[in-house]
């Protein structure tokens, strides 16, 4: 028997269904971004410009920790949506249990290695004698609590994909609210400096994790976390990783590129240029997290309908999300180009850092209107299980087109060349996504036409038989 949530996936108007699922995702991701932004503002204003630069050095490590969450969480969420579309709740619950154990194992290995070799890693990532103490103090605490962050992220994604977007949003809001409250208390009240911001982050995510895990232990949940499913199944793990590899690759690539960017910035602009990049990344994150939230909402809709064979609704959801994403990135471009000083001044009062940041923002966002299209396209392929195409798109923007620019352009234009590399990569990646998406849409139309012919012929075939 179908639940109301499953009927909504099949019959509700796409624009309303997208916002029913995307709005909680957008609110959740934006709030998450905002409490990260607020933490960085507190660090910049309360500790100093070098602390901002030290925090920027940690971005590659944080991207790597996020990649573990995305490897499991994004892959599991997509597989759960597809399984529910096929009315297979038993497999969905197996995915849930496997995800829990896999997350704990991966985090244990990762955290152990990074804690042991933290200082050499930070040096390799671009830390100087001035910024290393800040980066070390922050990461020593955040890494120890990373398993809570990953579990919170992963199970939040699976909560959305199983039909509870509003509840998923609330759990993210809970963590964000605690972070906003605890950060100034630990930073100023306890005078812990950058360590206080780290403690506030870990405690907040632990609280958020408790709420999201509790959901899957309740009988009212569409799928439940059951003890018998908390074991590694090669087939289940393979299905999770095959889809999760795309966002994982994107985050790993982002880490590698951030290391290259940090070391290049240190060479061509010094510690403050590294800090400027940290601020620019944070500003871009504000806009792109809205797109990520949109994707979180559309992923279960696309995945369910693809699994159920409703390809018309798959296309409608894709086109609607592309339109919304483009409007968001165009708005972000206009605000960033005309008011870059507003963003920079929120993080620092250092005049030199302000000047570097404002110029960098204007150049870096030149192709931002195209980025929404590229991110939605990559997410679409992930949602329907085409991992390879999603990975190619993810890596194109973060690695394939960006690295040559970082290595070549500063030799021609100095520090500006590093900023120029960003929009050049965005443009080329968007063109690649357009090409791949056009091919896939033609394929979907052929699948739908074939299914219609078989149905007309009366052979009883279902579209899902050919996926």
Protein backbone atom coordinates (compact mmCIF):
# COMPACT_ATOMS: atom_id res chain seq x y z
CA UNK A 1 0.00 0.00 0.00
CA UNK A 2 1.34 3.42 -0.97
CA UNK A 3 1.81 6.13 1.63
CA UNK A 4 0.70 9.73 1.12
CA UNK A 5 4.34 10.72 0.67
CA UNK A 6 4.76 8.21 -2.15
CA UNK A 7 1.57 9.44 -3.84
CA UNK A 8 2.88 13.01 -3.65
CA UNK A 9 6.00 11.97 -5.56
CA UNK A 10 3.80 10.61 -8.37
CA UNK A 11 0.92 13.09 -8.63
CA UNK A 12 1.61 16.43 -6.94
CA UNK A 13 2.34 19.46 -9.15
CA UNK A 14 6.11 19.56 -9.73
CA UNK A 15 6.67 23.21 -8.79
CA UNK A 16 4.86 22.77 -5.48
CA UNK A 17 6.48 19.40 -4.80
CA UNK A 18 9.95 20.84 -5.47
CA UNK A 19 9.39 23.66 -2.99
CA UNK A 20 7.85 21.30 -0.43
CA UNK A 21 11.11 19.36 -0.46
CA UNK A 22 13.62 22.00 -1.52
CA UNK A 23 12.63 24.78 0.86
CA UNK A 24 13.50 22.78 3.98
CA UNK A 25 16.73 21.71 2.26
CA UNK A 26 17.57 25.30 1.33
CA UNK A 27 16.80 26.56 4.82
CA UNK A 28 18.88 23.77 6.34
CA UNK A 29 21.92 24.29 4.10
CA UNK A 30 21.77 28.07 4.29
CA UNK A 31 21.48 27.97 8.05
CA UNK A 32 24.42 25.57 8.16
CA UNK A 33 26.36 27.94 5.92
CA UNK A 34 25.37 30.90 8.05
CA UNK A 35 26.60 29.41 11.30
CA UNK A 36 29.88 28.59 9.56
CA UNK A 37 29.97 32.18 8.32
CA UNK A 38 29.14 33.50 11.77
CA UNK A 39 31.94 31.42 13.27
CA UNK A 40 34.39 32.84 10.75
CA UNK A 41 33.16 36.37 11.40
CA UNK A 42 33.73 35.85 15.12
CA UNK A 43 37.23 34.54 14.38
CA UNK A 44 38.07 37.42 12.06
CA UNK A 45 36.72 40.14 14.30
CA UNK A 46 37.54 38.56 17.66
CA UNK A 47 40.91 36.90 16.99
CA UNK A 48 42.39 38.68 13.96
CA UNK A 49 43.29 38.63 10.26
CA UNK A 50 45.92 35.90 10.67
CA UNK A 51 43.33 33.67 12.36
CA UNK A 52 41.17 34.00 9.23
CA UNK A 53 44.18 32.93 7.17
CA UNK A 54 44.81 30.02 9.54
CA UNK A 55 41.20 28.95 9.20
CA UNK A 56 41.52 29.08 5.40
CA UNK A 57 44.39 26.59 5.68
CA UNK A 58 41.98 24.13 7.31
CA UNK A 59 39.54 24.20 4.37
CA UNK A 60 41.23 21.33 2.48
CA UNK A 61 41.05 19.15 5.58
CA UNK A 62 37.43 20.11 6.19
CA UNK A 63 36.63 19.34 2.56
CA UNK A 64 38.16 15.90 3.01
CA UNK A 65 36.07 15.25 6.12
CA UNK A 66 32.97 16.41 4.23
CA UNK A 67 33.87 14.07 1.39
CA UNK A 68 33.51 11.07 3.72
CA UNK A 69 30.02 12.23 4.63
CA UNK A 70 29.10 12.75 0.99
CA UNK A 71 30.53 9.40 -0.10
CA UNK A 72 28.12 7.63 2.23
CA UNK A 73 25.30 10.13 2.75
CA UNK A 74 24.69 11.27 -0.82
CA UNK A 75 25.04 7.76 -2.22
CA UNK A 76 22.76 6.23 0.40
CA UNK A 77 20.14 8.96 0.01
CA UNK A 78 19.95 8.47 -3.76
CA UNK A 79 19.75 4.68 -3.42
CA UNK A 80 17.01 4.93 -0.79
CA UNK A 81 14.91 7.16 -3.08
CA UNK A 82 15.30 4.76 -6.00
CA UNK A 83 14.49 1.74 -3.78
CA UNK A 84 11.38 3.41 -2.39
CA UNK A 85 10.32 4.22 -5.95
CA UNK A 86 10.48 0.47 -6.62
CA UNK A 87 8.49 -0.27 -3.40
CA UNK A 88 11.53 -1.95 -1.84
CA UNK A 89 11.60 -0.76 1.78
CA UNK A 90 13.64 -3.74 2.95
CA UNK A 91 16.59 -2.68 0.80
CA UNK A 92 16.16 0.92 1.96
CA UNK A 93 16.54 -0.19 5.58
CA UNK A 94 19.61 -2.26 4.73
CA UNK A 95 21.13 0.84 3.13
CA UNK A 96 20.39 2.77 6.32
CA UNK A 97 22.14 0.24 8.56
CA UNK A 98 25.15 -0.17 6.28
CA UNK A 99 25.55 3.60 6.13
CA UNK A 100 25.86 3.89 9.90
CA UNK A 101 28.65 1.33 10.20
CA UNK A 102 30.51 2.52 7.10
CA UNK A 103 30.48 6.12 8.35
CA UNK A 104 31.99 5.15 11.71
CA UNK A 105 34.71 2.99 10.12
CA UNK A 106 35.78 5.59 7.54
CA UNK A 107 35.88 8.40 10.11
CA UNK A 108 37.93 6.35 12.56
CA UNK A 109 40.59 5.66 9.92
CA UNK A 110 40.64 9.23 8.63
CA UNK A 111 40.76 10.94 12.02
CA UNK A 112 43.55 8.69 13.31
CA UNK A 113 45.80 9.41 10.32
CA UNK A 114 45.23 13.15 10.37
CA UNK A 115 45.71 13.58 14.10
CA UNK A 116 49.04 11.71 13.95
CA UNK A 117 50.40 13.73 11.01
CA UNK A 118 48.55 17.01 11.55
CA UNK A 119 51.46 19.48 11.56
CA UNK A 120 53.21 18.11 8.44
CA UNK A 121 49.86 18.02 6.64
CA UNK A 122 49.09 21.64 7.52
CA UNK A 123 52.57 22.70 6.38
CA UNK A 124 51.98 20.93 3.07
CA UNK A 125 48.59 22.63 2.80
CA UNK A 126 50.17 26.10 2.94
CA UNK A 127 50.44 26.96 6.63
CA UNK A 128 53.19 29.41 7.58
CA UNK A 129 54.81 29.92 10.98
CA UNK A 130 52.22 32.64 11.63
CA UNK A 131 49.10 30.69 10.64
CA UNK A 132 50.02 27.14 11.75
CA UNK A 133 49.07 27.61 15.45
CA UNK A 134 45.56 28.79 14.54
CA UNK A 135 44.98 25.96 12.06
CA UNK A 136 46.30 23.34 14.51
CA UNK A 137 44.22 24.58 17.46
CA UNK A 138 41.04 24.48 15.39
CA UNK A 139 41.53 21.10 13.72
CA UNK A 140 42.69 19.17 16.79
CA UNK A 141 39.22 19.64 18.24
CA UNK A 142 37.06 19.51 15.10
CA UNK A 143 38.66 16.29 13.84
CA UNK A 144 37.94 14.46 17.08
CA UNK A 145 34.25 15.29 16.71
CA UNK A 146 34.03 14.68 12.98
CA UNK A 147 32.20 11.35 13.30
CA UNK A 148 29.25 13.27 14.80
CA UNK A 149 29.33 15.73 11.91
CA UNK A 150 29.35 12.93 9.32
CA UNK A 151 26.54 10.99 10.99
CA UNK A 152 24.44 14.13 11.29
CA UNK A 153 24.97 14.95 7.60
CA UNK A 154 24.43 11.40 6.34
CA UNK A 155 21.26 10.62 8.25
CA UNK A 156 19.86 14.07 7.54
CA UNK A 157 20.23 13.34 3.81
CA UNK A 158 18.53 9.96 4.23
CA UNK A 159 15.75 11.57 6.25
CA UNK A 160 15.01 13.88 3.31
CA UNK A 161 15.21 11.09 0.74
CA UNK A 162 12.71 8.98 2.69
CA UNK A 163 10.11 11.76 2.70
CA UNK A 164 10.79 13.97 5.74
CA UNK A 165 12.26 17.23 4.38
CA UNK A 166 10.77 19.51 7.02
CA UNK A 167 11.96 17.32 9.87
CA UNK A 168 15.43 17.23 8.28
CA UNK A 169 15.39 21.02 8.16
CA UNK A 170 14.47 21.23 11.84
CA UNK A 171 17.40 19.02 12.85
CA UNK A 172 19.79 21.28 10.94
CA UNK A 173 18.22 24.34 12.55
CA UNK A 174 18.73 22.81 15.99
CA UNK A 175 22.45 22.37 15.36
CA UNK A 176 22.76 25.85 13.87
CA UNK A 177 20.96 27.53 16.76
CA UNK A 178 23.19 25.83 19.31
CA UNK A 179 26.27 26.84 17.31
CA UNK A 180 25.22 30.50 17.17
CA UNK A 181 24.58 30.48 20.93
CA UNK A 182 27.69 28.54 21.96
CA UNK A 183 30.25 30.24 19.68
CA UNK A 184 30.34 33.64 21.43
CA UNK A 185 30.12 31.94 24.83
CA UNK A 186 33.20 29.77 24.20
CA UNK A 187 35.06 32.49 22.27
CA UNK A 188 34.47 35.46 24.55
CA UNK A 189 32.91 34.10 27.75
CA UNK A 190 35.48 31.34 28.26
CA UNK A 191 38.19 33.24 26.34
CA UNK A 192 39.11 30.13 24.33
CA UNK A 193 39.82 31.92 21.06
CA UNK A 194 39.71 29.78 17.93
CA UNK A 195 39.49 26.63 20.10
CA UNK A 196 36.18 27.92 21.43
CA UNK A 197 34.74 28.14 17.92
CA UNK A 198 35.84 24.54 17.30
CA UNK A 199 34.22 23.28 20.52
CA UNK A 200 30.98 25.09 19.68
CA UNK A 201 30.92 23.42 16.26
CA UNK A 202 31.47 19.90 17.60
CA UNK A 203 28.94 20.17 20.43
CA UNK A 204 26.29 21.62 18.11
CA UNK A 205 26.69 18.87 15.52
CA UNK A 206 26.58 16.20 18.25
CA UNK A 207 23.22 17.56 19.40
CA UNK A 208 21.96 17.63 15.81
CA UNK A 209 23.11 14.03 15.33
CA UNK A 210 21.10 12.86 18.36
CA UNK A 211 17.91 14.35 16.95
CA UNK A 212 18.33 12.89 13.46
CA UNK A 213 19.27 9.42 14.74
CA UNK A 214 16.25 9.41 17.05
CA UNK A 215 13.97 9.82 14.03
CA UNK A 216 15.05 6.52 12.48
CA UNK A 217 14.48 4.65 15.73
CA UNK A 218 10.79 5.62 15.86
CA UNK A 219 8.04 3.33 14.56
CA UNK A 220 6.45 6.28 12.73
CA UNK A 221 9.43 6.55 10.36
CA UNK A 222 8.84 5.21 6.83
CA UNK A 223 12.14 3.32 7.11
CA UNK A 224 13.78 2.38 10.40
CA UNK A 225 17.28 1.76 11.70
CA UNK A 226 17.31 -1.90 12.76
CA UNK A 227 20.12 -3.69 14.57
CA UNK A 228 20.14 -6.62 12.13
CA UNK A 229 20.98 -4.24 9.27
CA UNK A 230 24.01 -2.65 10.98
CA UNK A 231 26.52 -4.85 9.18
CA UNK A 232 28.53 -4.46 5.99
CA UNK A 233 26.96 -5.95 2.87
CA UNK A 234 29.26 -5.84 -0.18
CA UNK A 235 26.40 -5.34 -2.63
CA UNK A 236 24.82 -2.54 -0.58
CA UNK A 237 28.15 -0.82 0.05
CA UNK A 238 28.95 -1.01 -3.66
CA UNK A 239 25.63 0.57 -4.61
CA UNK A 240 26.15 3.40 -2.10
CA UNK A 241 29.73 4.13 -3.09
CA UNK A 242 29.01 4.02 -6.84
CA UNK A 243 26.71 7.04 -6.52
CA UNK A 244 28.44 8.71 -3.58
CA UNK A 245 31.73 8.66 -5.49
CA UNK A 246 30.66 11.73 -7.48
CA UNK A 247 30.26 14.20 -4.59
CA UNK A 248 33.16 12.46 -2.82
CA UNK A 249 35.39 13.04 -5.84
CA UNK A 250 34.26 16.64 -6.01
CA UNK A 251 35.18 17.26 -2.38
CA UNK A 252 38.52 15.47 -2.63
CA UNK A 253 39.30 17.45 -5.76
CA UNK A 254 38.26 20.63 -3.96
CA UNK A 255 40.70 19.76 -1.18
CA UNK A 256 43.56 19.20 -3.60
CA UNK A 257 42.78 22.40 -5.46
CA UNK A 258 42.49 24.33 -2.20
CA UNK A 259 45.97 23.15 -1.23
CA UNK A 260 47.33 24.23 -4.61
CA UNK A 261 45.47 27.53 -4.36
CA UNK A 262 46.68 28.20 -0.81
CA UNK A 263 50.32 27.54 -1.66
CA UNK A 264 50.03 29.67 -4.81
CA UNK A 265 48.35 32.49 -2.88
CA UNK A 266 51.10 32.35 -0.27
CA UNK A 267 53.66 32.66 -3.07
CA UNK A 268 52.01 35.48 -5.03
CA UNK A 269 50.19 37.38 -2.28
CA UNK A 270 51.30 36.24 1.20
CA UNK A 271 49.28 35.19 4.25
CA UNK A 272 46.63 37.86 3.72
CA UNK A 273 45.90 36.60 0.21
CA UNK A 274 45.20 33.19 1.75
CA UNK A 275 42.81 34.88 4.17
CA UNK A 276 41.12 36.70 1.29
CA UNK A 277 40.55 33.38 -0.45
CA UNK A 278 38.99 32.06 2.74
CA UNK A 279 36.56 34.99 2.79
CA UNK A 280 35.77 34.64 -0.93
CA UNK A 281 35.12 30.92 -0.47
CA UNK A 282 32.75 31.72 2.37
CA UNK A 283 30.83 34.27 0.28
CA UNK A 284 30.52 31.83 -2.62
CA UNK A 285 29.41 29.14 -0.19
CA UNK A 286 26.44 31.28 0.85
CA UNK A 287 25.07 31.28 -2.70
CA UNK A 288 26.05 27.76 -3.68
CA UNK A 289 24.61 26.25 -0.52
CA UNK A 290 21.22 27.49 -1.71
CA UNK A 291 21.74 25.40 -4.85
CA UNK A 292 22.83 22.45 -2.70
CA UNK A 293 19.62 22.80 -0.70
CA UNK A 294 17.61 22.88 -3.91
CA UNK A 295 19.34 19.68 -5.03
CA UNK A 296 18.60 18.05 -1.69
CA UNK A 297 14.92 18.70 -2.36
CA UNK A 298 14.86 17.57 -5.98
CA UNK A 299 17.02 14.46 -5.48
CA UNK A 300 14.31 12.31 -3.83
CA UNK A 301 11.71 13.51 -6.37
CA UNK A 302 13.93 12.67 -9.34
CA UNK A 303 15.19 9.43 -7.80
CA UNK A 304 11.72 8.16 -6.86
CA UNK A 305 10.15 8.97 -10.24
CA UNK A 306 13.10 7.53 -12.13
CA UNK A 307 12.79 4.33 -10.10
CA UNK A 308 9.03 4.28 -10.76
CA UNK A 309 9.49 4.96 -14.49
CA UNK A 310 7.78 8.37 -14.50
CA UNK A 311 10.31 10.02 -16.82
CA UNK A 312 8.10 12.97 -17.71
CA UNK A 313 8.13 14.06 -14.08
CA UNK A 314 11.89 13.50 -13.96
CA UNK A 315 12.36 15.97 -16.84
CA UNK A 316 9.91 18.48 -15.38
CA UNK A 317 11.73 18.45 -12.04
CA UNK A 318 15.10 18.90 -13.74
CA UNK A 319 13.99 21.85 -15.88
CA UNK A 320 12.31 23.59 -12.97
CA UNK A 321 15.36 23.22 -10.73
CA UNK A 322 17.65 24.50 -13.51
CA UNK A 323 15.53 27.64 -13.80
CA UNK A 324 15.52 28.28 -10.06
CA UNK A 325 19.26 27.63 -9.72
CA UNK A 326 20.07 30.06 -12.53
CA UNK A 327 18.01 32.81 -10.92
CA UNK A 328 19.83 32.27 -7.61
CA UNK A 329 23.31 32.44 -9.12
CA UNK A 330 22.47 35.50 -11.22
CA UNK A 331 21.31 37.26 -8.05
CA UNK A 332 24.51 36.22 -6.29
CA UNK A 333 26.59 37.56 -9.17
CA UNK A 334 24.91 40.97 -9.09
CA UNK A 335 25.23 41.38 -5.33
CA UNK A 336 28.87 40.29 -5.30
CA UNK A 337 29.93 42.54 -8.17
CA UNK A 338 28.22 45.70 -6.92
CA UNK A 339 28.64 45.27 -3.15
CA UNK A 340 31.85 43.26 -2.50
CA UNK A 341 32.87 45.54 0.36
CA UNK A 342 29.85 44.56 2.43
CA UNK A 343 30.98 40.94 2.49
CA UNK A 344 34.64 41.66 3.16
CA UNK A 345 33.99 44.15 5.97
CA UNK A 346 31.93 41.58 7.85
CA UNK A 347 35.02 39.42 8.37
CA UNK A 348 37.83 41.90 8.98
CA UNK A 349 38.79 45.51 9.61
CA UNK A 350 42.30 45.06 8.20
CA UNK A 351 42.53 47.53 5.28
CA UNK A 352 44.99 45.47 3.23
CA UNK A 353 42.93 42.31 3.60
CA UNK A 354 39.81 44.27 2.64
CA UNK A 355 41.40 45.53 -0.59
CA UNK A 356 42.63 42.09 -1.65
CA UNK A 357 39.26 40.49 -0.88
CA UNK A 358 37.11 43.04 -2.72
CA UNK A 359 39.14 42.76 -5.92
CA UNK A 360 39.20 38.98 -5.68
CA UNK A 361 35.42 38.69 -5.24
CA UNK A 362 34.67 40.76 -8.34
CA UNK A 363 36.87 38.57 -10.51
CA UNK A 364 35.98 35.21 -8.94
CA UNK A 365 32.21 35.55 -9.49
CA UNK A 366 32.44 36.54 -13.17
CA UNK A 367 30.92 33.21 -14.31
CA UNK A 368 28.74 32.58 -11.24
CA UNK A 369 25.48 32.69 -13.30
CA UNK A 370 26.61 29.46 -15.02
CA UNK A 371 27.52 27.57 -11.86
CA UNK A 372 23.94 26.83 -10.80
CA UNK A 373 23.30 25.02 -14.08
CA UNK A 374 26.48 22.99 -13.69
CA UNK A 375 25.77 21.91 -10.11
CA UNK A 376 22.14 20.95 -10.81
CA UNK A 377 23.21 18.94 -13.86
CA UNK A 378 25.77 16.99 -11.83
CA UNK A 379 23.20 16.33 -9.09
CA UNK A 380 20.69 15.12 -11.68
CA UNK A 381 23.03 12.38 -12.90
CA UNK A 382 23.72 11.39 -9.30
CA UNK A 383 19.97 11.18 -8.57
CA UNK A 384 19.28 8.74 -11.42
CA UNK A 385 22.30 6.56 -10.68
CA UNK A 386 24.65 7.63 -13.50
CA UNK A 387 27.67 7.97 -11.26
CA UNK A 388 30.34 8.26 -13.97
CA UNK A 389 28.75 11.26 -15.68
CA UNK A 390 28.18 12.94 -12.34
CA UNK A 391 31.81 12.39 -11.36
CA UNK A 392 33.07 13.80 -14.66
CA UNK A 393 31.06 16.97 -14.17
CA UNK A 394 32.07 17.32 -10.54
CA UNK A 395 35.75 16.95 -11.34
CA UNK A 396 35.63 19.23 -14.38
CA UNK A 397 34.87 22.36 -12.39
CA UNK A 398 36.90 21.53 -9.30
CA UNK A 399 39.94 19.91 -10.90
CA UNK A 400 40.24 19.30 -14.64
CA UNK A 401 39.72 22.89 -15.80
CA UNK A 402 40.79 24.71 -12.65
CA UNK A 403 44.26 23.28 -11.95
CA UNK A 404 45.80 24.35 -15.30
CA UNK A 405 44.52 27.87 -14.69
CA UNK A 406 46.00 28.02 -11.20
CA UNK A 407 49.35 26.86 -12.53
CA UNK A 408 49.45 29.08 -15.64
CA UNK A 409 47.51 32.31 -15.07
CA UNK A 410 49.48 33.74 -12.10
CA UNK A 411 52.62 33.53 -14.23
CA UNK A 412 50.90 35.93 -16.62
CA UNK A 413 48.89 38.15 -14.28
CA UNK A 414 50.22 37.53 -10.76
CA UNK A 415 47.65 37.33 -7.95
CA UNK A 416 44.82 38.34 -10.31
CA UNK A 417 45.59 35.25 -12.37
CA UNK A 418 44.56 33.02 -9.48
CA UNK A 419 41.19 34.76 -9.25
CA UNK A 420 40.76 34.58 -13.06
CA UNK A 421 41.25 30.81 -13.00
CA UNK A 422 37.94 30.41 -11.12
CA UNK A 423 35.49 31.86 -13.71
CA UNK A 424 37.39 30.27 -16.61
CA UNK A 425 36.94 26.85 -14.99
CA UNK A 426 33.27 27.56 -14.23
CA UNK A 427 32.57 28.43 -17.87
CA UNK A 428 34.27 25.38 -19.36
CA UNK A 429 32.60 23.05 -16.83
CA UNK A 430 29.16 24.49 -17.64
CA UNK A 431 29.70 23.83 -21.36
CA UNK A 432 30.65 20.22 -20.62
CA UNK A 433 27.55 19.78 -18.43
CA UNK A 434 25.34 21.15 -21.21
CA UNK A 435 26.75 18.61 -23.65
CA UNK A 436 26.30 15.63 -21.30
CA UNK A 437 22.81 16.71 -20.25
CA UNK A 438 21.58 17.02 -23.83
CA UNK A 439 22.75 13.48 -24.55
CA UNK A 440 21.05 12.12 -21.42
CA UNK A 441 17.75 13.87 -22.12
CA UNK A 442 17.64 12.33 -25.59
CA UNK A 443 18.26 8.94 -23.99
CA UNK A 444 15.38 9.45 -21.54
CA UNK A 445 13.03 10.36 -24.37
CA UNK A 446 13.97 7.17 -26.23
CA UNK A 447 13.35 5.10 -23.09
CA UNK A 448 9.94 6.68 -22.66
CA UNK A 449 9.03 6.16 -26.32
CA UNK A 450 10.09 2.50 -26.18
CA UNK A 451 8.00 1.92 -23.07
CA UNK A 452 4.98 3.55 -24.72
CA UNK A 453 5.34 1.30 -27.77
CA UNK A 454 5.53 -1.82 -25.60
CA UNK A 455 2.52 -0.72 -23.59
CA UNK A 456 0.56 -0.10 -26.80
CA UNK A 457 1.59 -3.53 -28.07
CA UNK A 458 0.14 -4.97 -24.88
CA UNK A 459 3.15 -6.96 -23.69
CA UNK A 460 2.75 -5.69 -20.12
CA UNK A 461 6.28 -4.37 -19.85
CA UNK A 462 7.06 -1.66 -17.34
CA UNK A 463 9.58 1.10 -17.90
CA UNK A 464 11.51 0.08 -14.81
CA UNK A 465 12.31 -3.24 -16.49
CA UNK A 466 14.68 -1.41 -18.85
CA UNK A 467 16.63 0.68 -16.30
